Amino acid sequence: MKKDLISQVLKKYFIGKGKNLSIIHRYLRIKYRMNIDESLLEKRVNNLSLN
């Protein structure tokens, strides 16, 4: 998977620091004004763990 902004944030906060997806969702929405579904974030996490 490409190292885009979402992947970098998921690696840093979900995998590295153990934050949950709702906090990451809120962080992306507030800081980067990205409105992403949490289900999409779950899929991205699954893709990160497979690669």
PDB file of N, CA and C in Angstrom:
ATOM      1  N   MET A   1       0.845  -1.172   0.000  1.00  0.00           N
ATOM      2  CA  MET A   1       0.000   0.000   0.000  1.00  0.00           C
ATOM      3  C   MET A   1       0.891   1.236   0.000  1.00  0.00           C
ATOM      4  N   LYS A   2       0.467   2.260  -0.737  1.00  0.00           N
ATOM      5  CA  LYS A   2       1.234   3.489  -0.790  1.00  0.00           C
ATOM      6  C   LYS A   2       1.257   4.172   0.569  1.00  0.00           C
ATOM      7  N   LYS A   3       2.295   4.932   0.806  1.00  0.00           N
ATOM      8  CA  LYS A   3       2.427   5.647   2.066  1.00  0.00           C
ATOM      9  C   LYS A   3       1.746   7.006   1.952  1.00  0.00           C
ATOM     10  N   ASP A   4       0.439   7.004   1.916  1.00  0.00           N
ATOM     11  CA  ASP A   4      -0.304   8.252   1.877  1.00  0.00           C
ATOM     12  C   ASP A   4      -0.579   8.723   3.305  1.00  0.00           C
ATOM     13  N   LEU A   5      -1.278   9.816   3.435  1.00  0.00           N
ATOM     14  CA  LEU A   5      -1.506  10.431   4.730  1.00  0.00           C
ATOM     15  C   LEU A   5      -2.278   9.516   5.676  1.00  0.00           C
ATOM     16  N   ILE A   6      -3.305   8.850   5.174  1.00  0.00           N
ATOM     17  CA  ILE A   6      -4.118   7.984   6.020  1.00  0.00           C
ATOM     18  C   ILE A   6      -3.290   6.815   6.537  1.00  0.00           C
ATOM     19  N   SER A   7      -2.495   6.219   5.674  1.00  0.00           N
ATOM     20  CA  SER A   7      -1.651   5.099   6.097  1.00  0.00           C
ATOM     21  C   SER A   7      -0.626   5.528   7.138  1.00  0.00           C
ATOM     22  N   GLN A   8      -0.052   6.691   6.953  1.00  0.00           N
ATOM     23  CA  GLN A   8       0.927   7.184   7.914  1.00  0.00           C
ATOM     24  C   GLN A   8       0.288   7.433   9.269  1.00  0.00           C
ATOM     25  N   VAL A   9      -0.903   8.031   9.269  1.00  0.00           N
ATOM     26  CA  VAL A   9      -1.601   8.309  10.526  1.00  0.00           C
ATOM     27  C   VAL A   9      -1.993   7.004  11.210  1.00  0.00           C
ATOM     28  N   LEU A  10      -2.487   6.034  10.448  1.00  0.00           N
ATOM     29  CA  LEU A  10      -2.869   4.749  11.038  1.00  0.00           C
ATOM     30  C   LEU A  10      -1.663   4.034  11.635  1.00  0.00           C
ATOM     31  N   LYS A  11      -0.536   4.047  10.938  1.00  0.00           N
ATOM     32  CA  LYS A  11       0.660   3.401  11.477  1.00  0.00           C
ATOM     33  C   LYS A  11       1.134   4.076  12.749  1.00  0.00           C
ATOM     34  N   LYS A  12       1.115   5.404  12.750  1.00  0.00           N
ATOM     35  CA  LYS A  12       1.638   6.137  13.895  1.00  0.00           C
ATOM     36  C   LYS A  12       0.732   6.019  15.113  1.00  0.00           C
ATOM     37  N   TYR A  13      -0.573   6.226  14.935  1.00  0.00           N
ATOM     38  CA  TYR A  13      -1.468   6.318  16.078  1.00  0.00           C
ATOM     39  C   TYR A  13      -2.172   5.006  16.414  1.00  0.00           C
ATOM     40  N   PHE A  14      -2.608   4.233  15.413  1.00  0.00           N
ATOM     41  CA  PHE A  14      -3.325   2.984  15.694  1.00  0.00           C
ATOM     42  C   PHE A  14      -2.359   1.880  16.073  1.00  0.00           C
ATOM     43  N   ILE A  15      -1.356   1.679  15.247  1.00  0.00           N
ATOM     44  CA  ILE A  15      -0.419   0.590  15.506  1.00  0.00           C
ATOM     45  C   ILE A  15       0.621   1.004  16.544  1.00  0.00           C
ATOM     46  N   GLY A  16       1.191   2.198  16.387  1.00  0.00           N
ATOM     47  CA  GLY A  16       2.266   2.633  17.266  1.00  0.00           C
ATOM     48  C   GLY A  16       1.818   3.003  18.669  1.00  0.00           C
ATOM     49  N   LYS A  17       0.761   3.795  18.772  1.00  0.00           N
ATOM     50  CA  LYS A  17       0.349   4.310  20.081  1.00  0.00           C
ATOM     51  C   LYS A  17      -0.900   3.646  20.638  1.00  0.00           C
ATOM     52  N   GLY A  18      -1.575   2.817  19.845  1.00  0.00           N
ATOM     53  CA  GLY A  18      -2.719   2.067  20.340  1.00  0.00           C
ATOM     54  C   GLY A  18      -3.999   2.867  20.478  1.00  0.00           C
ATOM     55  N   LYS A  19      -4.141   3.943  19.722  1.00  0.00           N
ATOM     56  CA  LYS A  19      -5.379   4.731  19.761  1.00  0.00           C
ATOM     57  C   LYS A  19      -6.477   3.981  19.022  1.00  0.00           C
ATOM     58  N   ASN A  20      -7.742   4.252  19.382  1.00  0.00           N
ATOM     59  CA  ASN A  20      -8.827   3.567  18.678  1.00  0.00           C
ATOM     60  C   ASN A  20      -9.242   4.356  17.434  1.00  0.00           C
ATOM     61  N   LEU A  21     -10.039   3.708  16.593  1.00  0.00           N
ATOM     62  CA  LEU A  21     -10.373   4.290  15.296  1.00  0.00           C
ATOM     63  C   LEU A  21     -11.246   5.537  15.400  1.00  0.00           C
ATOM     64  N   SER A  22     -12.066   5.644  16.431  1.00  0.00           N
ATOM     65  CA  SER A  22     -12.904   6.840  16.551  1.00  0.00           C
ATOM     66  C   SER A  22     -12.057   8.078  16.831  1.00  0.00           C
ATOM     67  N   ILE A  23     -10.984   7.919  17.597  1.00  0.00           N
ATOM     68  CA  ILE A  23     -10.082   9.046  17.858  1.00  0.00           C
ATOM     69  C   ILE A  23      -9.333   9.428  16.586  1.00  0.00           C
ATOM     70  N   ILE A  24      -8.883   8.432  15.833  1.00  0.00           N
ATOM     71  CA  ILE A  24      -8.180   8.703  14.579  1.00  0.00           C
ATOM     72  C   ILE A  24      -9.125   9.351  13.584  1.00  0.00           C
ATOM     73  N   HIS A  25     -10.366   8.900  13.543  1.00  0.00           N
ATOM     74  CA  HIS A  25     -11.374   9.487  12.659  1.00  0.00           C
ATOM     75  C   HIS A  25     -11.575  10.961  12.992  1.00  0.00           C
ATOM     76  N   ARG A  26     -11.696  11.268  14.263  1.00  0.00           N
ATOM     77  CA  ARG A  26     -11.883  12.654  14.697  1.00  0.00           C
ATOM     78  C   ARG A  26     -10.647  13.496  14.388  1.00  0.00           C
ATOM     79  N   TYR A  27      -9.467  12.925  14.590  1.00  0.00           N
ATOM     80  CA  TYR A  27      -8.210  13.624  14.296  1.00  0.00           C
ATOM     81  C   TYR A  27      -8.122  13.989  12.817  1.00  0.00           C
ATOM     82  N   LEU A  28      -8.416  13.038  11.934  1.00  0.00           N
ATOM     83  CA  LEU A  28      -8.365  13.309  10.499  1.00  0.00           C
ATOM     84  C   LEU A  28      -9.411  14.338  10.087  1.00  0.00           C
ATOM     85  N   ARG A  29     -10.578  14.266  10.712  1.00  0.00           N
ATOM     86  CA  ARG A  29     -11.648  15.202  10.368  1.00  0.00           C
ATOM     87  C   ARG A  29     -11.304  16.626  10.807  1.00  0.00           C
ATOM     88  N   ILE A  30     -10.729  16.779  11.982  1.00  0.00           N
ATOM     89  CA  ILE A  30     -10.443  18.118  12.499  1.00  0.00           C
ATOM     90  C   ILE A  30      -9.163  18.699  11.891  1.00  0.00           C
ATOM     91  N   LYS A  31      -8.080  17.944  11.922  1.00  0.00           N
ATOM     92  CA  LYS A  31      -6.790  18.484  11.478  1.00  0.00           C
ATOM     93  C   LYS A  31      -6.693  18.619   9.964  1.00  0.00           C
ATOM     94  N   TYR A  32      -7.152  17.610   9.228  1.00  0.00           N
ATOM     95  CA  TYR A  32      -6.982  17.601   7.782  1.00  0.00           C
ATOM     96  C   TYR A  32      -8.284  17.804   7.010  1.00  0.00           C
ATOM     97  N   ARG A  33      -9.390  17.974   7.731  1.00  0.00           N
ATOM     98  CA  ARG A  33     -10.719  18.167   7.124  1.00  0.00           C
ATOM     99  C   ARG A  33     -11.068  17.044   6.152  1.00  0.00           C
ATOM    100  N   MET A  34     -10.728  15.827   6.565  1.00  0.00           N
ATOM    101  CA  MET A  34     -11.056  14.636   5.779  1.00  0.00           C
ATOM    102  C   MET A  34     -12.254  13.963   6.419  1.00  0.00           C
ATOM    103  N   ASN A  35     -13.312  13.797   5.667  1.00  0.00           N
ATOM    104  CA  ASN A  35     -14.495  13.138   6.175  1.00  0.00           C
ATOM    105  C   ASN A  35     -14.506  11.702   5.654  1.00  0.00           C
ATOM    106  N   ILE A  36     -13.958  10.797   6.447  1.00  0.00           N
ATOM    107  CA  ILE A  36     -13.794   9.398   6.059  1.00  0.00           C
ATOM    108  C   ILE A  36     -14.622   8.535   6.997  1.00  0.00           C
ATOM    109  N   ASP A  37     -15.285   7.531   6.447  1.00  0.00           N
ATOM    110  CA  ASP A  37     -16.046   6.602   7.280  1.00  0.00           C
ATOM    111  C   ASP A  37     -15.101   5.757   8.119  1.00  0.00           C
ATOM    112  N   GLU A  38     -15.554   5.411   9.319  1.00  0.00           N
ATOM    113  CA  GLU A  38     -14.737   4.546  10.176  1.00  0.00           C
ATOM    114  C   GLU A  38     -14.593   3.160   9.574  1.00  0.00           C
ATOM    115  N   SER A  39     -15.594   2.724   8.801  1.00  0.00           N
ATOM    116  CA  SER A  39     -15.483   1.410   8.164  1.00  0.00           C
ATOM    117  C   SER A  39     -14.345   1.394   7.144  1.00  0.00           C
ATOM    118  N   LEU A  40     -14.128   2.513   6.473  1.00  0.00           N
ATOM    119  CA  LEU A  40     -13.014   2.610   5.539  1.00  0.00           C
ATOM    120  C   LEU A  40     -11.681   2.557   6.285  1.00  0.00           C
ATOM    121  N   LEU A  41     -11.638   3.197   7.453  1.00  0.00           N
ATOM    122  CA  LEU A  41     -10.420   3.128   8.262  1.00  0.00           C
ATOM    123  C   LEU A  41     -10.139   1.697   8.716  1.00  0.00           C
ATOM    124  N   GLU A  42     -11.188   0.949   9.052  1.00  0.00           N
ATOM    125  CA  GLU A  42     -11.009  -0.457   9.438  1.00  0.00           C
ATOM    126  C   GLU A  42     -10.426  -1.263   8.292  1.00  0.00           C
ATOM    127  N   LYS A  43     -10.914  -1.032   7.080  1.00  0.00           N
ATOM    128  CA  LYS A  43     -10.390  -1.730   5.915  1.00  0.00           C
ATOM    129  C   LYS A  43      -8.935  -1.388   5.682  1.00  0.00           C
ATOM    130  N   ARG A  44      -8.592  -0.106   5.879  1.00  0.00           N
ATOM    131  CA  ARG A  44      -7.204   0.323   5.690  1.00  0.00           C
ATOM    132  C   ARG A  44      -6.283  -0.328   6.725  1.00  0.00           C
ATOM    133  N   VAL A  45      -6.768  -0.475   7.947  1.00  0.00           N
ATOM    134  CA  VAL A  45      -5.977  -1.137   8.983  1.00  0.00           C
ATOM    135  C   VAL A  45      -5.751  -2.593   8.614  1.00  0.00           C
ATOM    136  N   ASN A  46      -6.785  -3.245   8.111  1.00  0.00           N
ATOM    137  CA  ASN A  46      -6.638  -4.639   7.680  1.00  0.00           C
ATOM    138  C   ASN A  46      -5.624  -4.762   6.549  1.00  0.00           C
ATOM    139  N   ASN A  47      -5.636  -3.807   5.615  1.00  0.00           N
ATOM    140  CA  ASN A  47      -4.677  -3.827   4.517  1.00  0.00           C
ATOM    141  C   ASN A  47      -3.262  -3.584   5.032  1.00  0.00           C
ATOM    142  N   LEU A  48      -3.110  -2.723   6.028  1.00  0.00           N
ATOM    143  CA  LEU A  48      -1.783  -2.476   6.588  1.00  0.00           C
ATOM    144  C   LEU A  48      -1.235  -3.725   7.271  1.00  0.00           C
ATOM    145  N   SER A  49      -2.093  -4.434   7.969  1.00  0.00           N
ATOM    146  CA  SER A  49      -1.621  -5.617   8.686  1.00  0.00           C
ATOM    147  C   SER A  49      -1.294  -6.760   7.717  1.00  0.00           C
ATOM    148  N   LEU A  50      -1.935  -6.795   6.573  1.00  0.00           N
ATOM    149  CA  LEU A  50      -1.642  -7.838   5.593  1.00  0.00           C
ATOM    150  C   LEU A  50      -0.326  -7.585   4.876  1.00  0.00           C
ATOM    151  N   ASN A  51       0.031  -6.334   4.705  1.00  0.00           N
ATOM    152  CA  ASN A  51       1.265  -6.005   3.968  1.00  0.00           C
ATOM    153  C   ASN A  51       2.432  -5.903   4.849  1.00  0.00           C
TER     154      ASN A  51
END
